[in-house]
Amino acid sequence: EHRSEAFRAKNPDAAVPCLELSDGTCISQ
């Protein structure tokens, strides 16, 4: 699932974890 298009839209690294803030900002690493 981490390699899916939907998840890559949140984290192009295709890796977990990924933090998503209330404004939609996603932070990985």
mmCIF file of all heavy atoms, coordinates in Angstrom:
data_MODEL
# 
_entry.id   MODEL 
# 
loop_
_atom_site.group_PDB 
_atom_site.id 
_atom_site.type_symbol 
_atom_site.label_atom_id 
_atom_site.label_alt_id 
_atom_site.label_comp_id 
_atom_site.label_asym_id 
_atom_site.label_entity_id 
_atom_site.label_seq_id 
_atom_site.pdbx_PDB_ins_code 
_atom_site.Cartn_x 
_atom_site.Cartn_y 
_atom_site.Cartn_z 
_atom_site.occupancy 
_atom_site.B_iso_or_equiv 
_atom_site.pdbx_formal_charge 
_atom_site.auth_seq_id 
_atom_site.auth_comp_id 
_atom_site.auth_asym_id 
_atom_site.auth_atom_id 
_atom_site.pdbx_PDB_model_num 
ATOM 1   N N   . GLU A 1 1  ? 0.821  -1.214 0.000  1.00 0.00 ? 1  GLU A N   1 
ATOM 2   C CA  . GLU A 1 1  ? 0.000  0.000  0.000  1.00 0.00 ? 1  GLU A CA  1 
ATOM 3   C C   . GLU A 1 1  ? 0.857  1.267  0.000  1.00 0.00 ? 1  GLU A C   1 
ATOM 4   O O   . GLU A 1 1  ? 0.459  2.292  -0.573 1.00 0.00 ? 1  GLU A O   1 
ATOM 5   C CB  . GLU A 1 1  ? -0.929 0.001  1.219  1.00 0.00 ? 1  GLU A CB  1 
ATOM 6   C CG  . GLU A 1 1  ? -1.878 1.185  1.251  1.00 0.00 ? 1  GLU A CG  1 
ATOM 7   C CD  . GLU A 1 1  ? -2.762 1.210  2.489  1.00 0.00 ? 1  GLU A CD  1 
ATOM 8   O OE1 . GLU A 1 1  ? -2.705 0.246  3.293  1.00 0.00 ? 1  GLU A OE1 1 
ATOM 9   O OE2 . GLU A 1 1  ? -3.504 2.204  2.654  1.00 0.00 ? 1  GLU A OE2 1 
ATOM 10  N N   . HIS A 1 2  ? 2.041  1.198  0.620  1.00 0.00 ? 2  HIS A N   1 
ATOM 11  C CA  . HIS A 1 2  ? 2.916  2.372  0.688  1.00 0.00 ? 2  HIS A CA  1 
ATOM 12  C C   . HIS A 1 2  ? 3.442  2.776  -0.687 1.00 0.00 ? 2  HIS A C   1 
ATOM 13  O O   . HIS A 1 2  ? 3.933  3.896  -0.859 1.00 0.00 ? 2  HIS A O   1 
ATOM 14  C CB  . HIS A 1 2  ? 4.082  2.106  1.635  1.00 0.00 ? 2  HIS A CB  1 
ATOM 15  C CG  . HIS A 1 2  ? 4.944  0.944  1.239  1.00 0.00 ? 2  HIS A CG  1 
ATOM 16  N ND1 . HIS A 1 2  ? 4.454  -0.332 1.067  1.00 0.00 ? 2  HIS A ND1 1 
ATOM 17  C CD2 . HIS A 1 2  ? 6.276  0.870  0.976  1.00 0.00 ? 2  HIS A CD2 1 
ATOM 18  C CE1 . HIS A 1 2  ? 5.437  -1.137 0.725  1.00 0.00 ? 2  HIS A CE1 1 
ATOM 19  N NE2 . HIS A 1 2  ? 6.542  -0.443 0.658  1.00 0.00 ? 2  HIS A NE2 1 
ATOM 20  N N   . ARG A 1 3  ? 3.327  1.888  -1.664 1.00 0.00 ? 3  ARG A N   1 
ATOM 21  C CA  . ARG A 1 3  ? 3.782  2.189  -3.023 1.00 0.00 ? 3  ARG A CA  1 
ATOM 22  C C   . ARG A 1 3  ? 2.631  2.589  -3.947 1.00 0.00 ? 3  ARG A C   1 
ATOM 23  O O   . ARG A 1 3  ? 2.837  2.812  -5.139 1.00 0.00 ? 3  ARG A O   1 
ATOM 24  C CB  . ARG A 1 3  ? 4.517  0.982  -3.602 1.00 0.00 ? 3  ARG A CB  1 
ATOM 25  C CG  . ARG A 1 3  ? 5.804  0.636  -2.833 1.00 0.00 ? 3  ARG A CG  1 
ATOM 26  C CD  . ARG A 1 3  ? 6.464  -0.607 -3.390 1.00 0.00 ? 3  ARG A CD  1 
ATOM 27  N NE  . ARG A 1 3  ? 7.697  -0.919 -2.672 1.00 0.00 ? 3  ARG A NE  1 
ATOM 28  C CZ  . ARG A 1 3  ? 8.434  -2.007 -2.862 1.00 0.00 ? 3  ARG A CZ  1 
ATOM 29  N NH1 . ARG A 1 3  ? 8.042  -2.901 -3.776 1.00 0.00 ? 3  ARG A NH1 1 
ATOM 30  N NH2 . ARG A 1 3  ? 9.539  -2.217 -2.164 1.00 0.00 ? 3  ARG A NH2 1 
ATOM 31  N N   . SER A 1 4  ? 1.450  2.685  -3.392 1.00 0.00 ? 4  SER A N   1 
ATOM 32  C CA  . SER A 1 4  ? 0.281  3.030  -4.215 1.00 0.00 ? 4  SER A CA  1 
ATOM 33  C C   . SER A 1 4  ? 0.315  4.504  -4.610 1.00 0.00 ? 4  SER A C   1 
ATOM 34  O O   . SER A 1 4  ? 0.965  5.335  -3.969 1.00 0.00 ? 4  SER A O   1 
ATOM 35  C CB  . SER A 1 4  ? -1.012 2.746  -3.436 1.00 0.00 ? 4  SER A CB  1 
ATOM 36  O OG  . SER A 1 4  ? -1.132 3.639  -2.338 1.00 0.00 ? 4  SER A OG  1 
ATOM 37  N N   . GLU A 1 5  ? -0.396 4.823  -5.674 1.00 0.00 ? 5  GLU A N   1 
ATOM 38  C CA  . GLU A 1 5  ? -0.449 6.206  -6.147 1.00 0.00 ? 5  GLU A CA  1 
ATOM 39  C C   . GLU A 1 5  ? -1.046 7.125  -5.088 1.00 0.00 ? 5  GLU A C   1 
ATOM 40  O O   . GLU A 1 5  ? -0.587 8.254  -4.884 1.00 0.00 ? 5  GLU A O   1 
ATOM 41  C CB  . GLU A 1 5  ? -1.264 6.273  -7.440 1.00 0.00 ? 5  GLU A CB  1 
ATOM 42  C CG  . GLU A 1 5  ? -1.306 7.654  -8.075 1.00 0.00 ? 5  GLU A CG  1 
ATOM 43  C CD  . GLU A 1 5  ? -2.043 7.657  -9.405 1.00 0.00 ? 5  GLU A CD  1 
ATOM 44  O OE1 . GLU A 1 5  ? -2.243 6.579  -9.985 1.00 0.00 ? 5  GLU A OE1 1 
ATOM 45  O OE2 . GLU A 1 5  ? -2.424 8.765  -9.849 1.00 0.00 ? 5  GLU A OE2 1 
ATOM 46  N N   . ALA A 1 6  ? -2.063 6.633  -4.378 1.00 0.00 ? 6  ALA A N   1 
ATOM 47  C CA  . ALA A 1 6  ? -2.725 7.443  -3.361 1.00 0.00 ? 6  ALA A CA  1 
ATOM 48  C C   . ALA A 1 6  ? -1.768 7.790  -2.223 1.00 0.00 ? 6  ALA A C   1 
ATOM 49  O O   . ALA A 1 6  ? -1.743 8.933  -1.747 1.00 0.00 ? 6  ALA A O   1 
ATOM 50  C CB  . ALA A 1 6  ? -3.940 6.705  -2.823 1.00 0.00 ? 6  ALA A CB  1 
ATOM 51  N N   . PHE A 1 7  ? -0.981 6.800  -1.800 1.00 0.00 ? 7  PHE A N   1 
ATOM 52  C CA  . PHE A 1 7  ? -0.063 7.082  -0.698 1.00 0.00 ? 7  PHE A CA  1 
ATOM 53  C C   . PHE A 1 7  ? 1.107  7.932  -1.171 1.00 0.00 ? 7  PHE A C   1 
ATOM 54  O O   . PHE A 1 7  ? 1.578  8.820  -0.441 1.00 0.00 ? 7  PHE A O   1 
ATOM 55  C CB  . PHE A 1 7  ? 0.456  5.782  -0.071 1.00 0.00 ? 7  PHE A CB  1 
ATOM 56  C CG  . PHE A 1 7  ? 1.251  6.027  1.181  1.00 0.00 ? 7  PHE A CG  1 
ATOM 57  C CD1 . PHE A 1 7  ? 0.618  6.305  2.379  1.00 0.00 ? 7  PHE A CD1 1 
ATOM 58  C CD2 . PHE A 1 7  ? 2.640  6.014  1.151  1.00 0.00 ? 7  PHE A CD2 1 
ATOM 59  C CE1 . PHE A 1 7  ? 1.354  6.564  3.532  1.00 0.00 ? 7  PHE A CE1 1 
ATOM 60  C CE2 . PHE A 1 7  ? 3.386  6.270  2.299  1.00 0.00 ? 7  PHE A CE2 1 
ATOM 61  C CZ  . PHE A 1 7  ? 2.734  6.542  3.495  1.00 0.00 ? 7  PHE A CZ  1 
ATOM 62  N N   . ARG A 1 8  ? 1.599  7.695  -2.377 1.00 0.00 ? 8  ARG A N   1 
ATOM 63  C CA  . ARG A 1 8  ? 2.705  8.499  -2.897 1.00 0.00 ? 8  ARG A CA  1 
ATOM 64  C C   . ARG A 1 8  ? 2.322  9.976  -3.032 1.00 0.00 ? 8  ARG A C   1 
ATOM 65  O O   . ARG A 1 8  ? 3.181  10.845 -3.002 1.00 0.00 ? 8  ARG A O   1 
ATOM 66  C CB  . ARG A 1 8  ? 3.160  7.954  -4.256 1.00 0.00 ? 8  ARG A CB  1 
ATOM 67  C CG  . ARG A 1 8  ? 4.028  6.698  -4.167 1.00 0.00 ? 8  ARG A CG  1 
ATOM 68  C CD  . ARG A 1 8  ? 4.405  6.226  -5.564 1.00 0.00 ? 8  ARG A CD  1 
ATOM 69  N NE  . ARG A 1 8  ? 5.214  5.032  -5.551 1.00 0.00 ? 8  ARG A NE  1 
ATOM 70  C CZ  . ARG A 1 8  ? 6.542  5.016  -5.514 1.00 0.00 ? 8  ARG A CZ  1 
ATOM 71  N NH1 . ARG A 1 8  ? 7.203  6.164  -5.465 1.00 0.00 ? 8  ARG A NH1 1 
ATOM 72  N NH2 . ARG A 1 8  ? 7.216  3.879  -5.516 1.00 0.00 ? 8  ARG A NH2 1 
ATOM 73  N N   . ALA A 1 9  ? 1.041  10.240 -3.173 1.00 0.00 ? 9  ALA A N   1 
ATOM 74  C CA  . ALA A 1 9  ? 0.592  11.631 -3.231 1.00 0.00 ? 9  ALA A CA  1 
ATOM 75  C C   . ALA A 1 9  ? 0.842  12.328 -1.894 1.00 0.00 ? 9  ALA A C   1 
ATOM 76  O O   . ALA A 1 9  ? 1.058  13.546 -1.849 1.00 0.00 ? 9  ALA A O   1 
ATOM 77  C CB  . ALA A 1 9  ? -0.883 11.692 -3.593 1.00 0.00 ? 9  ALA A CB  1 
ATOM 78  N N   . LYS A 1 10 ? 0.836  11.549 -0.814 1.00 0.00 ? 10 LYS A N   1 
ATOM 79  C CA  . LYS A 1 10 ? 1.146  12.096 0.506  1.00 0.00 ? 10 LYS A CA  1 
ATOM 80  C C   . LYS A 1 10 ? 2.644  12.064 0.773  1.00 0.00 ? 10 LYS A C   1 
ATOM 81  O O   . LYS A 1 10 ? 3.210  13.003 1.343  1.00 0.00 ? 10 LYS A O   1 
ATOM 82  C CB  . LYS A 1 10 ? 0.411  11.307 1.595  1.00 0.00 ? 10 LYS A CB  1 
ATOM 83  C CG  . LYS A 1 10 ? -1.108 11.374 1.506  1.00 0.00 ? 10 LYS A CG  1 
ATOM 84  C CD  . LYS A 1 10 ? -1.745 10.605 2.644  1.00 0.00 ? 10 LYS A CD  1 
ATOM 85  C CE  . LYS A 1 10 ? -3.263 10.609 2.505  1.00 0.00 ? 10 LYS A CE  1 
ATOM 86  N NZ  . LYS A 1 10 ? -3.826 11.970 2.614  1.00 0.00 ? 10 LYS A NZ  1 
ATOM 87  N N   . ASN A 1 11 ? 3.293  10.976 0.380  1.00 0.00 ? 11 ASN A N   1 
ATOM 88  C CA  . ASN A 1 11 ? 4.729  10.822 0.625  1.00 0.00 ? 11 ASN A CA  1 
ATOM 89  C C   . ASN A 1 11 ? 5.394  10.208 -0.605 1.00 0.00 ? 11 ASN A C   1 
ATOM 90  O O   . ASN A 1 11 ? 5.340  8.993  -0.800 1.00 0.00 ? 11 ASN A O   1 
ATOM 91  C CB  . ASN A 1 11 ? 4.977  9.937  1.852  1.00 0.00 ? 11 ASN A CB  1 
ATOM 92  C CG  . ASN A 1 11 ? 6.459  9.793  2.146  1.00 0.00 ? 11 ASN A CG  1 
ATOM 93  O OD1 . ASN A 1 11 ? 7.293  10.499 1.578  1.00 0.00 ? 11 ASN A OD1 1 
ATOM 94  N ND2 . ASN A 1 11 ? 6.791  8.881  3.046  1.00 0.00 ? 11 ASN A ND2 1 
ATOM 95  N N   . PRO A 1 12 ? 6.035  11.012 -1.425 1.00 0.00 ? 12 PRO A N   1 
ATOM 96  C CA  . PRO A 1 12 ? 6.701  10.504 -2.632 1.00 0.00 ? 12 PRO A CA  1 
ATOM 97  C C   . PRO A 1 12 ? 7.811  9.501  -2.322 1.00 0.00 ? 12 PRO A C   1 
ATOM 98  O O   . PRO A 1 12 ? 8.222  8.750  -3.214 1.00 0.00 ? 12 PRO A O   1 
ATOM 99  C CB  . PRO A 1 12 ? 7.289  11.769 -3.272 1.00 0.00 ? 12 PRO A CB  1 
ATOM 100 C CG  . PRO A 1 12 ? 6.482  12.896 -2.720 1.00 0.00 ? 12 PRO A CG  1 
ATOM 101 C CD  . PRO A 1 12 ? 6.117  12.486 -1.335 1.00 0.00 ? 12 PRO A CD  1 
ATOM 102 N N   . ASP A 1 13 ? 8.284  9.473  -1.061 1.00 0.00 ? 13 ASP A N   1 
ATOM 103 C CA  . ASP A 1 13 ? 9.301  8.492  -0.679 1.00 0.00 ? 13 ASP A CA  1 
ATOM 104 C C   . ASP A 1 13 ? 8.753  7.072  -0.662 1.00 0.00 ? 13 ASP A C   1 
ATOM 105 O O   . ASP A 1 13 ? 9.520  6.106  -0.611 1.00 0.00 ? 13 ASP A O   1 
ATOM 106 C CB  . ASP A 1 13 ? 9.861  8.809  0.715  1.00 0.00 ? 13 ASP A CB  1 
ATOM 107 C CG  . ASP A 1 13 ? 10.554 10.158 0.776  1.00 0.00 ? 13 ASP A CG  1 
ATOM 108 O OD1 . ASP A 1 13 ? 11.043 10.621 -0.273 1.00 0.00 ? 13 ASP A OD1 1 
ATOM 109 O OD2 . ASP A 1 13 ? 10.600 10.751 1.872  1.00 0.00 ? 13 ASP A OD2 1 
ATOM 110 N N   . ALA A 1 14 ? 7.432  6.941  -0.660 1.00 0.00 ? 14 ALA A N   1 
ATOM 111 C CA  . ALA A 1 14 ? 6.779  5.629  -0.593 1.00 0.00 ? 14 ALA A CA  1 
ATOM 112 C C   . ALA A 1 14 ? 7.253  4.848  0.621  1.00 0.00 ? 14 ALA A C   1 
ATOM 113 O O   . ALA A 1 14 ? 7.648  3.689  0.533  1.00 0.00 ? 14 ALA A O   1 
ATOM 114 C CB  . ALA A 1 14 ? 7.014  4.825  -1.872 1.00 0.00 ? 14 ALA A CB  1 
ATOM 115 N N   . ALA A 1 15 ? 7.216  5.505  1.762  1.00 0.00 ? 15 ALA A N   1 
ATOM 116 C CA  . ALA A 1 15 ? 7.685  4.891  3.000  1.00 0.00 ? 15 ALA A CA  1 
ATOM 117 C C   . ALA A 1 15 ? 6.867  5.414  4.166  1.00 0.00 ? 15 ALA A C   1 
ATOM 118 O O   . ALA A 1 15 ? 6.295  6.505  4.122  1.00 0.00 ? 15 ALA A O   1 
ATOM 119 C CB  . ALA A 1 15 ? 9.171  5.191  3.215  1.00 0.00 ? 15 ALA A CB  1 
ATOM 120 N N   . VAL A 1 16 ? 6.796  4.612  5.210  1.00 0.00 ? 16 VAL A N   1 
ATOM 121 C CA  . VAL A 1 16 ? 6.173  5.050  6.459  1.00 0.00 ? 16 VAL A CA  1 
ATOM 122 C C   . VAL A 1 16 ? 7.287  5.275  7.494  1.00 0.00 ? 16 VAL A C   1 
ATOM 123 O O   . VAL A 1 16 ? 8.339  4.645  7.414  1.00 0.00 ? 16 VAL A O   1 
ATOM 124 C CB  . VAL A 1 16 ? 5.170  3.990  6.978  1.00 0.00 ? 16 VAL A CB  1 
ATOM 125 C CG1 . VAL A 1 16 ? 3.955  3.945  6.086  1.00 0.00 ? 16 VAL A CG1 1 
ATOM 126 C CG2 . VAL A 1 16 ? 5.810  2.610  7.090  1.00 0.00 ? 16 VAL A CG2 1 
ATOM 127 N N   . PRO A 1 17 ? 7.020  6.213  8.427  1.00 0.00 ? 17 PRO A N   1 
ATOM 128 C CA  . PRO A 1 17 ? 5.791  6.938  8.692  1.00 0.00 ? 17 PRO A CA  1 
ATOM 129 C C   . PRO A 1 17 ? 5.672  8.205  7.852  1.00 0.00 ? 17 PRO A C   1 
ATOM 130 O O   . PRO A 1 17 ? 6.639  8.657  7.243  1.00 0.00 ? 17 PRO A O   1 
ATOM 131 C CB  . PRO A 1 17 ? 5.927  7.294  10.174 1.00 0.00 ? 17 PRO A CB  1 
ATOM 132 C CG  . PRO A 1 17 ? 7.406  7.505  10.348 1.00 0.00 ? 17 PRO A CG  1 
ATOM 133 C CD  . PRO A 1 17 ? 8.049  6.453  9.471  1.00 0.00 ? 17 PRO A CD  1 
ATOM 134 N N   . CYS A 1 18 ? 4.464  8.754  7.890  1.00 0.00 ? 18 CYS A N   1 
ATOM 135 C CA  . CYS A 1 18 ? 4.188  10.044 7.256  1.00 0.00 ? 18 CYS A CA  1 
ATOM 136 C C   . CYS A 1 18 ? 3.216  10.789 8.163  1.00 0.00 ? 18 CYS A C   1 
ATOM 137 O O   . CYS A 1 18 ? 2.211  10.211 8.596  1.00 0.00 ? 18 CYS A O   1 
ATOM 138 C CB  . CYS A 1 18 ? 3.597  9.838  5.866  1.00 0.00 ? 18 CYS A CB  1 
ATOM 139 S SG  . CYS A 1 18 ? 3.128  11.368 5.017  1.00 0.00 ? 18 CYS A SG  1 
ATOM 140 N N   . LEU A 1 19 ? 3.537  12.031 8.459  1.00 0.00 ? 19 LEU A N   1 
ATOM 141 C CA  . LEU A 1 19 ? 2.691  12.866 9.312  1.00 0.00 ? 19 LEU A CA  1 
ATOM 142 C C   . LEU A 1 19 ? 1.852  13.788 8.441  1.00 0.00 ? 19 LEU A C   1 
ATOM 143 O O   . LEU A 1 19 ? 2.377  14.457 7.546  1.00 0.00 ? 19 LEU A O   1 
ATOM 144 C CB  . LEU A 1 19 ? 3.569  13.693 10.252 1.00 0.00 ? 19 LEU A CB  1 
ATOM 145 C CG  . LEU A 1 19 ? 2.886  14.760 11.113 1.00 0.00 ? 19 LEU A CG  1 
ATOM 146 C CD1 . LEU A 1 19 ? 1.962  14.114 12.140 1.00 0.00 ? 19 LEU A CD1 1 
ATOM 147 C CD2 . LEU A 1 19 ? 3.941  15.623 11.806 1.00 0.00 ? 19 LEU A CD2 1 
ATOM 148 N N   . GLU A 1 20 ? 0.543  13.814 8.685  1.00 0.00 ? 20 GLU A N   1 
ATOM 149 C CA  . GLU A 1 20 ? -0.350 14.704 7.959  1.00 0.00 ? 20 GLU A CA  1 
ATOM 150 C C   . GLU A 1 20 ? -0.982 15.680 8.943  1.00 0.00 ? 20 GLU A C   1 
ATOM 151 O O   . GLU A 1 20 ? -1.626 15.263 9.920  1.00 0.00 ? 20 GLU A O   1 
ATOM 152 C CB  . GLU A 1 20 ? -1.433 13.923 7.226  1.00 0.00 ? 20 GLU A CB  1 
ATOM 153 C CG  . GLU A 1 20 ? -2.335 14.795 6.372  1.00 0.00 ? 20 GLU A CG  1 
ATOM 154 C CD  . GLU A 1 20 ? -3.337 13.989 5.569  1.00 0.00 ? 20 GLU A CD  1 
ATOM 155 O OE1 . GLU A 1 20 ? -3.790 12.931 6.056  1.00 0.00 ? 20 GLU A OE1 1 
ATOM 156 O OE2 . GLU A 1 20 ? -3.668 14.410 4.441  1.00 0.00 ? 20 GLU A OE2 1 
ATOM 157 N N   . LEU A 1 21 ? -0.796 16.971 8.716  1.00 0.00 ? 21 LEU A N   1 
ATOM 158 C CA  . LEU A 1 21 ? -1.342 17.999 9.587  1.00 0.00 ? 21 LEU A CA  1 
ATOM 159 C C   . LEU A 1 21 ? -2.774 18.328 9.199  1.00 0.00 ? 21 LEU A C   1 
ATOM 160 O O   . LEU A 1 21 ? -3.252 17.937 8.132  1.00 0.00 ? 21 LEU A O   1 
ATOM 161 C CB  . LEU A 1 21 ? -0.467 19.247 9.520  1.00 0.00 ? 21 LEU A CB  1 
ATOM 162 C CG  . LEU A 1 21 ? 1.025  19.042 9.796  1.00 0.00 ? 21 LEU A CG  1 
ATOM 163 C CD1 . LEU A 1 21 ? 1.759  20.376 9.746  1.00 0.00 ? 21 LEU A CD1 1 
ATOM 164 C CD2 . LEU A 1 21 ? 1.235  18.357 11.142 1.00 0.00 ? 21 LEU A CD2 1 
ATOM 165 N N   . SER A 1 22 ? -3.460 19.074 10.047 1.00 0.00 ? 22 SER A N   1 
ATOM 166 C CA  . SER A 1 22 ? -4.869 19.388 9.815  1.00 0.00 ? 22 SER A CA  1 
ATOM 167 C C   . SER A 1 22 ? -5.091 20.227 8.564  1.00 0.00 ? 22 SER A C   1 
ATOM 168 O O   . SER A 1 22 ? -6.173 20.197 7.977  1.00 0.00 ? 22 SER A O   1 
ATOM 169 C CB  . SER A 1 22 ? -5.445 20.123 11.026 1.00 0.00 ? 22 SER A CB  1 
ATOM 170 O OG  . SER A 1 22 ? -4.722 21.314 11.284 1.00 0.00 ? 22 SER A OG  1 
ATOM 171 N N   . ASP A 1 23 ? -4.048 20.961 8.126  1.00 0.00 ? 23 ASP A N   1 
ATOM 172 C CA  . ASP A 1 23 ? -4.193 21.767 6.911  1.00 0.00 ? 23 ASP A CA  1 
ATOM 173 C C   . ASP A 1 23 ? -3.831 21.004 5.648  1.00 0.00 ? 23 ASP A C   1 
ATOM 174 O O   . ASP A 1 23 ? -3.802 21.564 4.560  1.00 0.00 ? 23 ASP A O   1 
ATOM 175 C CB  . ASP A 1 23 ? -3.348 23.045 7.014  1.00 0.00 ? 23 ASP A CB  1 
ATOM 176 C CG  . ASP A 1 23 ? -1.847 22.766 7.042  1.00 0.00 ? 23 ASP A CG  1 
ATOM 177 O OD1 . ASP A 1 23 ? -1.440 21.585 7.010  1.00 0.00 ? 23 ASP A OD1 1 
ATOM 178 O OD2 . ASP A 1 23 ? -1.063 23.740 7.102  1.00 0.00 ? 23 ASP A OD2 1 
ATOM 179 N N   . GLY A 1 24 ? -3.540 19.690 5.810  1.00 0.00 ? 24 GLY A N   1 
ATOM 180 C CA  . GLY A 1 24 ? -3.217 18.856 4.654  1.00 0.00 ? 24 GLY A CA  1 
ATOM 181 C C   . GLY A 1 24 ? -1.740 18.721 4.367  1.00 0.00 ? 24 GLY A C   1 
ATOM 182 O O   . GLY A 1 24 ? -1.342 17.924 3.515  1.00 0.00 ? 24 GLY A O   1 
ATOM 183 N N   . THR A 1 25 ? -0.901 19.491 5.074  1.00 0.00 ? 25 THR A N   1 
ATOM 184 C CA  . THR A 1 25 ? 0.543  19.381 4.886  1.00 0.00 ? 25 THR A CA  1 
ATOM 185 C C   . THR A 1 25 ? 1.018  17.999 5.322  1.00 0.00 ? 25 THR A C   1 
ATOM 186 O O   . THR A 1 25 ? 0.640  17.514 6.398  1.00 0.00 ? 25 THR A O   1 
ATOM 187 C CB  . THR A 1 25 ? 1.287  20.451 5.709  1.00 0.00 ? 25 THR A CB  1 
ATOM 188 O OG1 . THR A 1 25 ? 0.879  21.740 5.276  1.00 0.00 ? 25 THR A OG1 1 
ATOM 189 C CG2 . THR A 1 25 ? 2.796  20.315 5.552  1.00 0.00 ? 25 THR A CG2 1 
ATOM 190 N N   . CYS A 1 26 ? 1.855  17.371 4.507  1.00 0.00 ? 26 CYS A N   1 
ATOM 191 C CA  . CYS A 1 26 ? 2.408  16.062 4.838  1.00 0.00 ? 26 CYS A CA  1 
ATOM 192 C C   . CYS A 1 26 ? 3.911  16.179 5.052  1.00 0.00 ? 26 CYS A C   1 
ATOM 193 O O   . CYS A 1 26 ? 4.608  16.820 4.258  1.00 0.00 ? 26 CYS A O   1 
ATOM 194 C CB  . CYS A 1 26 ? 2.121  15.052 3.727  1.00 0.00 ? 26 CYS A CB  1 
ATOM 195 S SG  . CYS A 1 26 ? 0.368  14.601 3.610  1.00 0.00 ? 26 CYS A SG  1 
ATOM 196 N N   . ILE A 1 27 ? 4.383  15.585 6.134  1.00 0.00 ? 27 ILE A N   1 
ATOM 197 C CA  . ILE A 1 27 ? 5.799  15.614 6.477  1.00 0.00 ? 27 ILE A CA  1 
ATOM 198 C C   . ILE A 1 27 ? 6.287  14.173 6.579  1.00 0.00 ? 27 ILE A C   1 
ATOM 199 O O   . ILE A 1 27 ? 5.718  13.372 7.330  1.00 0.00 ? 27 ILE A O   1 
ATOM 200 C CB  . ILE A 1 27 ? 6.040  16.344 7.809  1.00 0.00 ? 27 ILE A CB  1 
ATOM 201 C CG1 . ILE A 1 27 ? 5.505  17.782 7.735  1.00 0.00 ? 27 ILE A CG1 1 
ATOM 202 C CG2 . ILE A 1 27 ? 7.522  16.340 8.169  1.00 0.00 ? 27 ILE A CG2 1 
ATOM 203 C CD1 . ILE A 1 27 ? 5.517  18.508 9.069  1.00 0.00 ? 27 ILE A CD1 1 
ATOM 204 N N   . SER A 1 28 ? 7.315  13.842 5.816  1.00 0.00 ? 28 SER A N   1 
ATOM 205 C CA  . SER A 1 28 ? 7.919  12.520 5.887  1.00 0.00 ? 28 SER A CA  1 
ATOM 206 C C   . SER A 1 28 ? 9.336  12.653 6.427  1.00 0.00 ? 28 SER A C   1 
ATOM 207 O O   . SER A 1 28 ? 9.789  13.765 6.718  1.00 0.00 ? 28 SER A O   1 
ATOM 208 C CB  . SER A 1 28 ? 7.917  11.843 4.519  1.00 0.00 ? 28 SER A CB  1 
ATOM 209 O OG  . SER A 1 28 ? 8.659  12.619 3.592  1.00 0.00 ? 28 SER A OG  1 
ATOM 210 N N   . GLN A 1 29 ? 10.030 11.517 6.557  1.00 0.00 ? 29 GLN A N   1 
ATOM 211 C CA  . GLN A 1 29 ? 11.363 11.435 7.140  1.00 0.00 ? 29 GLN A CA  1 
ATOM 212 C C   . GLN A 1 29 ? 11.269 11.582 8.663  1.00 0.00 ? 29 GLN A C   1 
ATOM 213 O O   . GLN A 1 29 ? 10.821 12.614 9.174  1.00 0.00 ? 29 GLN A O   1 
ATOM 214 C CB  . GLN A 1 29 ? 12.329 12.469 6.563  1.00 0.00 ? 29 GLN A CB  1 
ATOM 215 C CG  . GLN A 1 29 ? 12.539 12.373 5.056  1.00 0.00 ? 29 GLN A CG  1 
ATOM 216 C CD  . GLN A 1 29 ? 13.303 11.117 4.655  1.00 0.00 ? 29 GLN A CD  1 
ATOM 217 O OE1 . GLN A 1 29 ? 14.077 10.564 5.430  1.00 0.00 ? 29 GLN A OE1 1 
ATOM 218 N NE2 . GLN A 1 29 ? 13.119 10.677 3.414  1.00 0.00 ? 29 GLN A NE2 1 
# 
